[in-house]
Amino acid sequence: MQRQVGGFTYIEMLVALALVALVGLIAAPTVKKARQRADEQALRVALREIRTAIDAYKKAADEGRVRKAVGESGYPKRLSDLVAGVPDSSKPDSPRIYFLRRLPADPLYRRGSAGEDLLAADAAEVRVPPDRTWGLRSYASPPEAPAPGIDVFDVYSLNPGVALDGSRYRDW
């Protein structure tokens, strides 16, 4: 009587390998899309956080808590003013008013000609200050052609890419 040897044949191994490769090919775009969706959500949160702080600064300036010269818009001169704080001119001892604990970096910031994606944590590793990861729009510039100026009215992503919904990141 001949004894059968256990194990897999070469054909069975090839079929199993082909199935694993097929599952990988199907899953890869889904994983990439999930990653992009998470990055887009992080961008929405960062934009909302900065814009809320800019609006709070403007409100404080309109209320007389932040000094502004005649003819100034009342918006911060730099993004860093939101974190560094400004003196509260409505109080005699002038305590500082802070609008952000930290300035978030653009999660979709792209650097250099290589164009590799940098997350906020990666941006810190290559020493790109968070305020350099955003495009700035001054109060005097039109929305269709944002340009920096003497104040910061709004921020936008410098990433030239297109979101999952078809809109451009810089238009958010």
N, C-alpha and C. Protein backbone atom coordinates (compact mmCIF):
# COMPACT_ATOMS: atom_id res chain seq x y z
N MET A 1 0.82 -1.16 0.00
CA MET A 1 0.00 0.00 0.00
C MET A 1 0.88 1.26 0.00
N GLN A 2 0.51 2.18 -0.87
CA GLN A 2 1.32 3.38 -0.99
C GLN A 2 0.75 4.47 -0.10
N ARG A 3 1.61 5.16 0.56
CA ARG A 3 1.24 6.21 1.50
C ARG A 3 1.16 7.55 0.77
N GLN A 4 0.08 8.34 1.04
CA GLN A 4 -0.06 9.64 0.40
C GLN A 4 0.69 10.70 1.20
N VAL A 5 1.32 11.58 0.50
CA VAL A 5 2.08 12.65 1.12
C VAL A 5 1.17 13.86 1.25
N GLY A 6 1.10 14.46 2.46
CA GLY A 6 0.26 15.64 2.69
C GLY A 6 0.96 16.90 2.21
N GLY A 7 0.18 17.96 2.02
CA GLY A 7 0.75 19.23 1.60
C GLY A 7 0.01 19.79 0.41
N PHE A 8 0.55 20.88 -0.11
CA PHE A 8 -0.08 21.56 -1.24
C PHE A 8 0.71 21.29 -2.51
N THR A 9 -0.02 21.24 -3.58
CA THR A 9 0.66 21.11 -4.87
C THR A 9 1.06 22.49 -5.33
N TYR A 10 1.89 22.51 -6.33
CA TYR A 10 2.35 23.77 -6.89
C TYR A 10 1.17 24.58 -7.45
N ILE A 11 0.25 23.93 -8.08
CA ILE A 11 -0.93 24.60 -8.66
C ILE A 11 -1.78 25.21 -7.55
N GLU A 12 -1.98 24.50 -6.46
CA GLU A 12 -2.77 25.04 -5.35
C GLU A 12 -2.11 26.29 -4.77
N MET A 13 -0.81 26.29 -4.67
CA MET A 13 -0.10 27.46 -4.16
C MET A 13 -0.25 28.65 -5.11
N LEU A 14 -0.18 28.40 -6.41
CA LEU A 14 -0.35 29.48 -7.39
C LEU A 14 -1.76 30.06 -7.34
N VAL A 15 -2.76 29.20 -7.19
CA VAL A 15 -4.15 29.66 -7.11
C VAL A 15 -4.33 30.51 -5.85
N ALA A 16 -3.81 30.05 -4.72
CA ALA A 16 -3.93 30.81 -3.47
C ALA A 16 -3.22 32.16 -3.59
N LEU A 17 -2.04 32.17 -4.18
CA LEU A 17 -1.30 33.42 -4.37
C LEU A 17 -2.06 34.38 -5.29
N ALA A 18 -2.67 33.85 -6.34
CA ALA A 18 -3.45 34.69 -7.26
C ALA A 18 -4.66 35.29 -6.55
N LEU A 19 -5.31 34.52 -5.69
CA LEU A 19 -6.46 35.04 -4.94
C LEU A 19 -6.05 36.14 -3.97
N VAL A 20 -4.93 35.96 -3.29
CA VAL A 20 -4.44 36.98 -2.37
C VAL A 20 -4.09 38.26 -3.15
N ALA A 21 -3.46 38.12 -4.30
CA ALA A 21 -3.12 39.28 -5.12
C ALA A 21 -4.37 39.99 -5.61
N LEU A 22 -5.40 39.23 -5.98
CA LEU A 22 -6.66 39.82 -6.44
C LEU A 22 -7.33 40.61 -5.32
N VAL A 23 -7.35 40.06 -4.12
CA VAL A 23 -7.92 40.78 -2.97
C VAL A 23 -7.13 42.06 -2.71
N GLY A 24 -5.81 41.99 -2.82
CA GLY A 24 -4.97 43.17 -2.63
C GLY A 24 -5.26 44.24 -3.67
N LEU A 25 -5.45 43.84 -4.91
CA LEU A 25 -5.75 44.80 -5.98
C LEU A 25 -7.11 45.46 -5.77
N ILE A 26 -8.04 44.73 -5.23
CA ILE A 26 -9.37 45.29 -4.98
C ILE A 26 -9.33 46.22 -3.77
N ALA A 27 -8.57 45.86 -2.74
CA ALA A 27 -8.54 46.63 -1.50
C ALA A 27 -7.69 47.90 -1.59
N ALA A 28 -6.66 47.91 -2.43
CA ALA A 28 -5.74 49.05 -2.49
C ALA A 28 -6.44 50.38 -2.80
N PRO A 29 -7.29 50.46 -3.82
CA PRO A 29 -7.96 51.75 -4.08
C PRO A 29 -8.88 52.17 -2.94
N THR A 30 -9.49 51.22 -2.28
CA THR A 30 -10.37 51.53 -1.16
C THR A 30 -9.57 52.12 -0.01
N VAL A 31 -8.42 51.55 0.27
CA VAL A 31 -7.56 52.06 1.34
C VAL A 31 -7.05 53.46 0.98
N LYS A 32 -6.66 53.66 -0.28
CA LYS A 32 -6.18 54.97 -0.72
C LYS A 32 -7.28 56.01 -0.60
N LYS A 33 -8.50 55.65 -0.97
CA LYS A 33 -9.62 56.59 -0.88
C LYS A 33 -9.95 56.91 0.58
N ALA A 34 -9.86 55.91 1.44
CA ALA A 34 -10.11 56.14 2.87
C ALA A 34 -9.06 57.08 3.44
N ARG A 35 -7.83 56.93 3.03
CA ARG A 35 -6.74 57.81 3.48
C ARG A 35 -7.00 59.25 3.01
N GLN A 36 -7.41 59.40 1.75
CA GLN A 36 -7.69 60.73 1.21
C GLN A 36 -8.88 61.35 1.94
N ARG A 37 -9.89 60.55 2.22
CA ARG A 37 -11.07 61.06 2.95
C ARG A 37 -10.67 61.55 4.34
N ALA A 38 -9.79 60.80 5.02
CA ALA A 38 -9.33 61.21 6.35
C ALA A 38 -8.51 62.50 6.28
N ASP A 39 -7.65 62.62 5.26
CA ASP A 39 -6.87 63.86 5.08
C ASP A 39 -7.78 65.05 4.80
N GLU A 40 -8.81 64.83 4.00
CA GLU A 40 -9.75 65.91 3.69
C GLU A 40 -10.51 66.35 4.94
N GLN A 41 -10.88 65.39 5.77
CA GLN A 41 -11.57 65.74 7.01
C GLN A 41 -10.64 66.54 7.92
N ALA A 42 -9.37 66.15 7.99
CA ALA A 42 -8.40 66.90 8.80
C ALA A 42 -8.23 68.32 8.26
N LEU A 43 -8.27 68.49 6.94
CA LEU A 43 -8.18 69.82 6.35
C LEU A 43 -9.40 70.66 6.72
N ARG A 44 -10.58 70.06 6.66
CA ARG A 44 -11.80 70.79 7.05
C ARG A 44 -11.72 71.28 8.50
N VAL A 45 -11.26 70.39 9.38
CA VAL A 45 -11.16 70.74 10.80
C VAL A 45 -10.15 71.87 11.00
N ALA A 46 -8.98 71.77 10.36
CA ALA A 46 -7.95 72.81 10.51
C ALA A 46 -8.43 74.15 9.97
N LEU A 47 -9.09 74.14 8.82
CA LEU A 47 -9.62 75.39 8.26
C LEU A 47 -10.66 76.01 9.18
N ARG A 48 -11.55 75.17 9.71
CA ARG A 48 -12.59 75.67 10.61
C ARG A 48 -11.98 76.27 11.87
N GLU A 49 -10.96 75.60 12.41
CA GLU A 49 -10.30 76.07 13.63
C GLU A 49 -9.64 77.44 13.41
N ILE A 50 -8.90 77.57 12.32
CA ILE A 50 -8.21 78.84 12.04
C ILE A 50 -9.21 79.94 11.73
N ARG A 51 -10.21 79.64 10.91
CA ARG A 51 -11.19 80.66 10.54
C ARG A 51 -12.01 81.12 11.74
N THR A 52 -12.33 80.21 12.64
CA THR A 52 -13.04 80.60 13.86
C THR A 52 -12.18 81.54 14.70
N ALA A 53 -10.88 81.25 14.79
CA ALA A 53 -9.96 82.12 15.55
C ALA A 53 -9.82 83.49 14.89
N ILE A 54 -9.76 83.52 13.57
CA ILE A 54 -9.67 84.81 12.86
C ILE A 54 -10.94 85.63 13.12
N ASP A 55 -12.10 84.97 13.07
CA ASP A 55 -13.36 85.67 13.34
C ASP A 55 -13.42 86.19 14.77
N ALA A 56 -12.91 85.40 15.73
CA ALA A 56 -12.89 85.83 17.13
C ALA A 56 -11.97 87.04 17.31
N TYR A 57 -10.85 87.04 16.62
CA TYR A 57 -9.92 88.18 16.66
C TYR A 57 -10.62 89.43 16.12
N LYS A 58 -11.29 89.30 14.99
CA LYS A 58 -11.99 90.43 14.38
C LYS A 58 -13.07 90.96 15.31
N LYS A 59 -13.81 90.04 15.94
CA LYS A 59 -14.86 90.45 16.88
C LYS A 59 -14.25 91.22 18.06
N ALA A 60 -13.14 90.71 18.59
CA ALA A 60 -12.46 91.39 19.70
C ALA A 60 -11.98 92.78 19.27
N ALA A 61 -11.50 92.90 18.04
CA ALA A 61 -11.05 94.20 17.54
C ALA A 61 -12.24 95.16 17.39
N ASP A 62 -13.35 94.65 16.90
CA ASP A 62 -14.55 95.49 16.75
C ASP A 62 -15.12 95.93 18.10
N GLU A 63 -14.92 95.09 19.12
CA GLU A 63 -15.40 95.42 20.47
C GLU A 63 -14.43 96.34 21.21
N GLY A 64 -13.28 96.61 20.64
CA GLY A 64 -12.29 97.48 21.28
C GLY A 64 -11.34 96.75 22.21
N ARG A 65 -11.37 95.43 22.20
CA ARG A 65 -10.47 94.67 23.07
C ARG A 65 -9.08 94.53 22.45
N VAL A 66 -9.00 94.61 21.13
CA VAL A 66 -7.73 94.56 20.42
C VAL A 66 -7.54 95.91 19.74
N ARG A 67 -6.38 96.50 19.96
CA ARG A 67 -6.11 97.82 19.37
C ARG A 67 -6.00 97.72 17.86
N LYS A 68 -6.62 98.69 17.21
CA LYS A 68 -6.44 98.81 15.77
C LYS A 68 -6.43 100.29 15.42
N ALA A 69 -5.62 100.63 14.47
CA ALA A 69 -5.52 102.02 14.03
C ALA A 69 -6.71 102.35 13.13
N VAL A 70 -6.97 103.62 12.99
CA VAL A 70 -8.04 104.07 12.12
C VAL A 70 -7.74 103.60 10.70
N GLY A 71 -8.73 103.01 10.07
CA GLY A 71 -8.55 102.53 8.70
C GLY A 71 -8.10 101.09 8.61
N GLU A 72 -7.69 100.48 9.73
CA GLU A 72 -7.29 99.07 9.70
C GLU A 72 -8.54 98.19 9.71
N SER A 73 -8.41 97.00 9.16
CA SER A 73 -9.55 96.10 9.03
C SER A 73 -9.95 95.45 10.35
N GLY A 74 -9.00 95.27 11.25
CA GLY A 74 -9.28 94.59 12.51
C GLY A 74 -8.95 93.11 12.47
N TYR A 75 -8.43 92.65 11.35
CA TYR A 75 -8.01 91.25 11.24
C TYR A 75 -6.55 91.15 11.69
N PRO A 76 -6.11 89.95 12.12
CA PRO A 76 -4.72 89.81 12.59
C PRO A 76 -3.72 90.11 11.48
N LYS A 77 -2.58 90.63 11.87
CA LYS A 77 -1.53 90.94 10.89
C LYS A 77 -0.80 89.68 10.44
N ARG A 78 -0.70 88.70 11.35
CA ARG A 78 -0.03 87.43 11.06
C ARG A 78 -0.83 86.31 11.71
N LEU A 79 -0.72 85.10 11.17
CA LEU A 79 -1.37 83.95 11.79
C LEU A 79 -0.81 83.69 13.18
N SER A 80 0.47 83.97 13.36
CA SER A 80 1.10 83.71 14.66
C SER A 80 0.51 84.57 15.77
N ASP A 81 -0.14 85.70 15.43
CA ASP A 81 -0.78 86.54 16.45
C ASP A 81 -1.92 85.80 17.15
N LEU A 82 -2.52 84.85 16.46
CA LEU A 82 -3.62 84.09 17.05
C LEU A 82 -3.13 83.19 18.18
N VAL A 83 -1.90 82.72 18.07
CA VAL A 83 -1.31 81.85 19.09
C VAL A 83 -0.57 82.67 20.14
N ALA A 84 0.19 83.66 19.71
CA ALA A 84 0.98 84.48 20.64
C ALA A 84 0.10 85.35 21.52
N GLY A 85 -1.08 85.68 21.02
CA GLY A 85 -2.00 86.52 21.77
C GLY A 85 -1.70 87.99 21.59
N VAL A 86 -2.67 88.80 21.99
CA VAL A 86 -2.53 90.26 21.91
C VAL A 86 -3.04 90.85 23.22
N PRO A 87 -2.53 92.02 23.62
CA PRO A 87 -3.00 92.63 24.86
C PRO A 87 -4.48 93.01 24.77
N ASP A 88 -5.21 92.78 25.86
CA ASP A 88 -6.62 93.16 25.94
C ASP A 88 -6.67 94.62 26.37
N SER A 89 -6.94 95.51 25.44
CA SER A 89 -6.91 96.94 25.73
C SER A 89 -8.13 97.42 26.51
N SER A 90 -9.10 96.55 26.72
CA SER A 90 -10.28 96.95 27.49
C SER A 90 -10.08 96.78 29.00
N LYS A 91 -8.98 96.14 29.39
CA LYS A 91 -8.70 95.90 30.81
C LYS A 91 -7.48 96.73 31.21
N PRO A 92 -7.49 97.26 32.43
CA PRO A 92 -6.38 98.13 32.86
C PRO A 92 -5.02 97.44 32.89
N ASP A 93 -4.97 96.18 33.27
CA ASP A 93 -3.67 95.49 33.34
C ASP A 93 -3.29 94.83 32.02
N SER A 94 -4.11 94.94 31.00
CA SER A 94 -3.86 94.43 29.64
C SER A 94 -3.41 92.97 29.60
N PRO A 95 -4.20 92.04 30.15
CA PRO A 95 -3.83 90.63 29.99
C PRO A 95 -3.92 90.24 28.51
N ARG A 96 -3.21 89.20 28.14
CA ARG A 96 -3.21 88.78 26.74
C ARG A 96 -4.46 87.97 26.42
N ILE A 97 -4.98 88.16 25.22
CA ILE A 97 -6.10 87.37 24.71
C ILE A 97 -5.51 86.37 23.71
N TYR A 98 -5.78 85.09 23.92
CA TYR A 98 -5.29 84.04 23.02
C TYR A 98 -6.47 83.49 22.23
N PHE A 99 -6.25 83.25 20.95
CA PHE A 99 -7.32 82.78 20.08
C PHE A 99 -7.12 81.34 19.64
N LEU A 100 -5.88 80.85 19.70
CA LEU A 100 -5.56 79.46 19.38
C LEU A 100 -4.52 78.95 20.36
N ARG A 101 -4.61 77.67 20.72
CA ARG A 101 -3.56 77.06 21.54
C ARG A 101 -2.33 76.78 20.69
N ARG A 102 -2.59 76.30 19.48
CA ARG A 102 -1.52 76.04 18.52
C ARG A 102 -2.09 76.23 17.13
N LEU A 103 -1.25 76.58 16.21
CA LEU A 103 -1.67 76.77 14.83
C LEU A 103 -1.53 75.44 14.10
N PRO A 104 -2.62 74.89 13.59
CA PRO A 104 -2.50 73.62 12.87
C PRO A 104 -1.83 73.82 11.51
N ALA A 105 -1.03 72.86 11.11
CA ALA A 105 -0.44 72.88 9.77
C ALA A 105 -1.47 72.33 8.79
N ASP A 106 -1.33 72.70 7.54
CA ASP A 106 -2.20 72.16 6.49
C ASP A 106 -1.87 70.68 6.33
N PRO A 107 -2.84 69.79 6.58
CA PRO A 107 -2.56 68.36 6.48
C PRO A 107 -2.26 67.90 5.05
N LEU A 108 -2.59 68.71 4.07
CA LEU A 108 -2.33 68.35 2.67
C LEU A 108 -1.19 69.16 2.07
N TYR A 109 -0.40 69.77 2.93
CA TYR A 109 0.73 70.59 2.46
C TYR A 109 1.69 69.74 1.64
N ARG A 110 2.09 70.26 0.49
CA ARG A 110 3.07 69.58 -0.37
C ARG A 110 4.31 70.45 -0.43
N ARG A 111 5.47 69.83 -0.31
CA ARG A 111 6.69 70.63 -0.31
C ARG A 111 7.60 70.20 -1.43
N GLY A 112 8.36 71.16 -1.91
CA GLY A 112 9.39 70.87 -2.90
C GLY A 112 8.84 70.42 -4.24
N SER A 113 9.72 70.15 -5.16
CA SER A 113 9.31 69.71 -6.49
C SER A 113 8.95 68.24 -6.49
N ALA A 114 9.41 67.49 -5.48
CA ALA A 114 9.07 66.07 -5.41
C ALA A 114 7.59 65.90 -5.15
N GLY A 115 6.98 66.85 -4.43
CA GLY A 115 5.55 66.83 -4.21
C GLY A 115 5.08 65.76 -3.25
N GLU A 116 5.96 65.28 -2.37
CA GLU A 116 5.52 64.26 -1.43
C GLU A 116 4.56 64.88 -0.42
N ASP A 117 3.55 64.11 -0.04
CA ASP A 117 2.57 64.60 0.92
C ASP A 117 3.20 64.65 2.30
N LEU A 118 2.90 65.72 3.02
CA LEU A 118 3.37 65.85 4.39
C LEU A 118 2.17 66.04 5.30
N LEU A 119 2.08 65.21 6.30
CA LEU A 119 1.07 65.43 7.33
C LEU A 119 1.60 66.45 8.30
N ALA A 120 0.74 66.92 9.20
CA ALA A 120 1.17 67.94 10.15
C ALA A 120 2.40 67.48 10.94
N ALA A 121 2.42 66.22 11.35
CA ALA A 121 3.56 65.71 12.11
C ALA A 121 4.82 65.70 11.25
N ASP A 122 4.69 65.32 9.98
CA ASP A 122 5.84 65.30 9.08
C ASP A 122 6.35 66.71 8.82
N ALA A 123 5.43 67.67 8.71
CA ALA A 123 5.84 69.06 8.46
C ALA A 123 6.73 69.56 9.59
N ALA A 124 6.43 69.14 10.82
CA ALA A 124 7.26 69.55 11.96
C ALA A 124 8.64 68.91 11.86
N GLU A 125 8.71 67.66 11.35
CA GLU A 125 9.99 66.98 11.24
C GLU A 125 10.93 67.68 10.27
N VAL A 126 10.40 68.24 9.20
CA VAL A 126 11.24 68.92 8.23
C VAL A 126 11.31 70.42 8.52
N ARG A 127 10.82 70.80 9.66
CA ARG A 127 10.90 72.17 10.17
C ARG A 127 10.21 73.20 9.28
N VAL A 128 9.04 72.84 8.79
CA VAL A 128 8.22 73.82 8.07
C VAL A 128 7.24 74.38 9.10
N PRO A 129 7.35 75.65 9.43
CA PRO A 129 6.43 76.22 10.42
C PRO A 129 5.00 76.12 9.92
N PRO A 130 4.05 75.83 10.81
CA PRO A 130 2.66 75.67 10.38
C PRO A 130 2.11 76.87 9.62
N ASP A 131 2.54 78.08 9.99
CA ASP A 131 2.00 79.26 9.29
C ASP A 131 2.52 79.37 7.86
N ARG A 132 3.57 78.62 7.51
CA ARG A 132 4.09 78.63 6.14
C ARG A 132 3.40 77.58 5.27
N THR A 133 2.55 76.73 5.87
CA THR A 133 1.87 75.70 5.09
C THR A 133 0.55 76.17 4.51
N TRP A 134 0.13 77.38 4.85
CA TRP A 134 -1.15 77.92 4.39
C TRP A 134 -0.94 79.06 3.41
N GLY A 135 -1.88 79.19 2.48
CA GLY A 135 -1.95 80.38 1.65
C GLY A 135 -2.73 81.43 2.41
N LEU A 136 -2.33 82.69 2.30
CA LEU A 136 -2.98 83.77 3.05
C LEU A 136 -3.73 84.70 2.11
N ARG A 137 -4.90 85.12 2.56
CA ARG A 137 -5.68 86.11 1.82
C ARG A 137 -5.91 87.31 2.71
N SER A 138 -5.57 88.48 2.21
CA SER A 138 -5.79 89.70 2.99
C SER A 138 -7.21 90.20 2.74
N TYR A 139 -7.63 91.12 3.59
CA TYR A 139 -8.96 91.70 3.49
C TYR A 139 -9.14 92.44 2.16
N ALA A 140 -8.07 92.99 1.63
CA ALA A 140 -8.14 93.80 0.41
C ALA A 140 -8.15 92.96 -0.87
N SER A 141 -7.84 91.67 -0.79
CA SER A 141 -7.77 90.87 -2.01
C SER A 141 -9.11 90.20 -2.32
N PRO A 142 -9.42 90.04 -3.61
CA PRO A 142 -10.70 89.42 -3.99
C PRO A 142 -10.67 87.91 -3.75
N PRO A 143 -11.84 87.29 -3.56
CA PRO A 143 -11.88 85.85 -3.28
C PRO A 143 -11.35 84.99 -4.43
N GLU A 144 -11.55 85.42 -5.67
CA GLU A 144 -11.10 84.61 -6.81
C GLU A 144 -9.60 84.71 -7.05
N ALA A 145 -8.94 85.69 -6.45
CA ALA A 145 -7.49 85.85 -6.58
C ALA A 145 -6.90 86.20 -5.22
N PRO A 146 -6.91 85.24 -4.28
CA PRO A 146 -6.41 85.54 -2.94
C PRO A 146 -4.92 85.91 -2.96
N ALA A 147 -4.58 86.92 -2.19
CA ALA A 147 -3.19 87.37 -2.10
C ALA A 147 -2.92 87.85 -0.69
N PRO A 148 -1.70 87.64 -0.20
CA PRO A 148 -1.35 88.15 1.13
C PRO A 148 -1.27 89.67 1.11
N GLY A 149 -1.39 90.26 2.28
CA GLY A 149 -1.32 91.71 2.38
C GLY A 149 -0.96 92.12 3.79
N ILE A 150 -1.54 93.22 4.26
CA ILE A 150 -1.19 93.73 5.59
C ILE A 150 -1.93 93.03 6.72
N ASP A 151 -2.88 92.17 6.39
CA ASP A 151 -3.61 91.42 7.42
C ASP A 151 -3.94 90.03 6.89
N VAL A 152 -4.51 89.20 7.78
CA VAL A 152 -4.93 87.85 7.39
C VAL A 152 -6.44 87.77 7.54
N PHE A 153 -7.13 87.80 6.42
CA PHE A 153 -8.59 87.73 6.40
C PHE A 153 -9.05 86.28 6.29
N ASP A 154 -8.28 85.45 5.58
CA ASP A 154 -8.65 84.05 5.37
C ASP A 154 -7.40 83.24 5.05
N VAL A 155 -7.52 81.93 5.15
CA VAL A 155 -6.45 81.01 4.77
C VAL A 155 -7.01 80.01 3.78
N TYR A 156 -6.12 79.41 3.01
CA TYR A 156 -6.53 78.37 2.06
C TYR A 156 -5.38 77.39 1.91
N SER A 157 -5.70 76.20 1.43
CA SER A 157 -4.69 75.18 1.23
C SER A 157 -3.86 75.49 0.00
N LEU A 158 -2.57 75.27 0.10
CA LEU A 158 -1.67 75.46 -1.04
C LEU A 158 -1.62 74.23 -1.94
N ASN A 159 -2.27 73.15 -1.53
CA ASN A 159 -2.29 71.92 -2.31
C ASN A 159 -3.07 72.14 -3.60
N PRO A 160 -2.47 71.85 -4.76
CA PRO A 160 -3.16 72.07 -6.03
C PRO A 160 -4.13 70.95 -6.39
N GLY A 161 -4.26 69.95 -5.54
CA GLY A 161 -5.05 68.77 -5.85
C GLY A 161 -6.55 69.00 -5.86
N VAL A 162 -7.25 67.92 -6.24
CA VAL A 162 -8.70 67.92 -6.33
C VAL A 162 -9.25 66.95 -5.29
N ALA A 163 -10.30 67.36 -4.61
CA ALA A 163 -10.91 66.54 -3.57
C ALA A 163 -11.76 65.42 -4.18
N LEU A 164 -12.21 64.51 -3.34
CA LEU A 164 -13.06 63.42 -3.80
C LEU A 164 -14.36 63.92 -4.41
N ASP A 165 -14.84 65.08 -3.96
CA ASP A 165 -16.09 65.62 -4.50
C ASP A 165 -15.87 66.44 -5.78
N GLY A 166 -14.63 66.53 -6.25
CA GLY A 166 -14.34 67.24 -7.50
C GLY A 166 -13.92 68.69 -7.32
N SER A 167 -14.03 69.23 -6.11
CA SER A 167 -13.63 70.62 -5.87
C SER A 167 -12.12 70.69 -5.63
N ARG A 168 -11.55 71.87 -5.83
CA ARG A 168 -10.12 72.06 -5.58
C ARG A 168 -9.92 72.39 -4.10
N TYR A 169 -8.86 71.84 -3.51
CA TYR A 169 -8.58 72.09 -2.09
C TYR A 169 -8.41 73.57 -1.81
N ARG A 170 -7.78 74.29 -2.70
CA ARG A 170 -7.53 75.71 -2.44
C ARG A 170 -8.80 76.54 -2.46
N ASP A 171 -9.91 75.98 -2.96
CA ASP A 171 -11.19 76.69 -2.98
C ASP A 171 -12.03 76.45 -1.73
N TRP A 172 -11.55 75.64 -0.81
CA TRP A 172 -12.35 75.31 0.38
C TRP A 172 -12.42 76.48 1.31
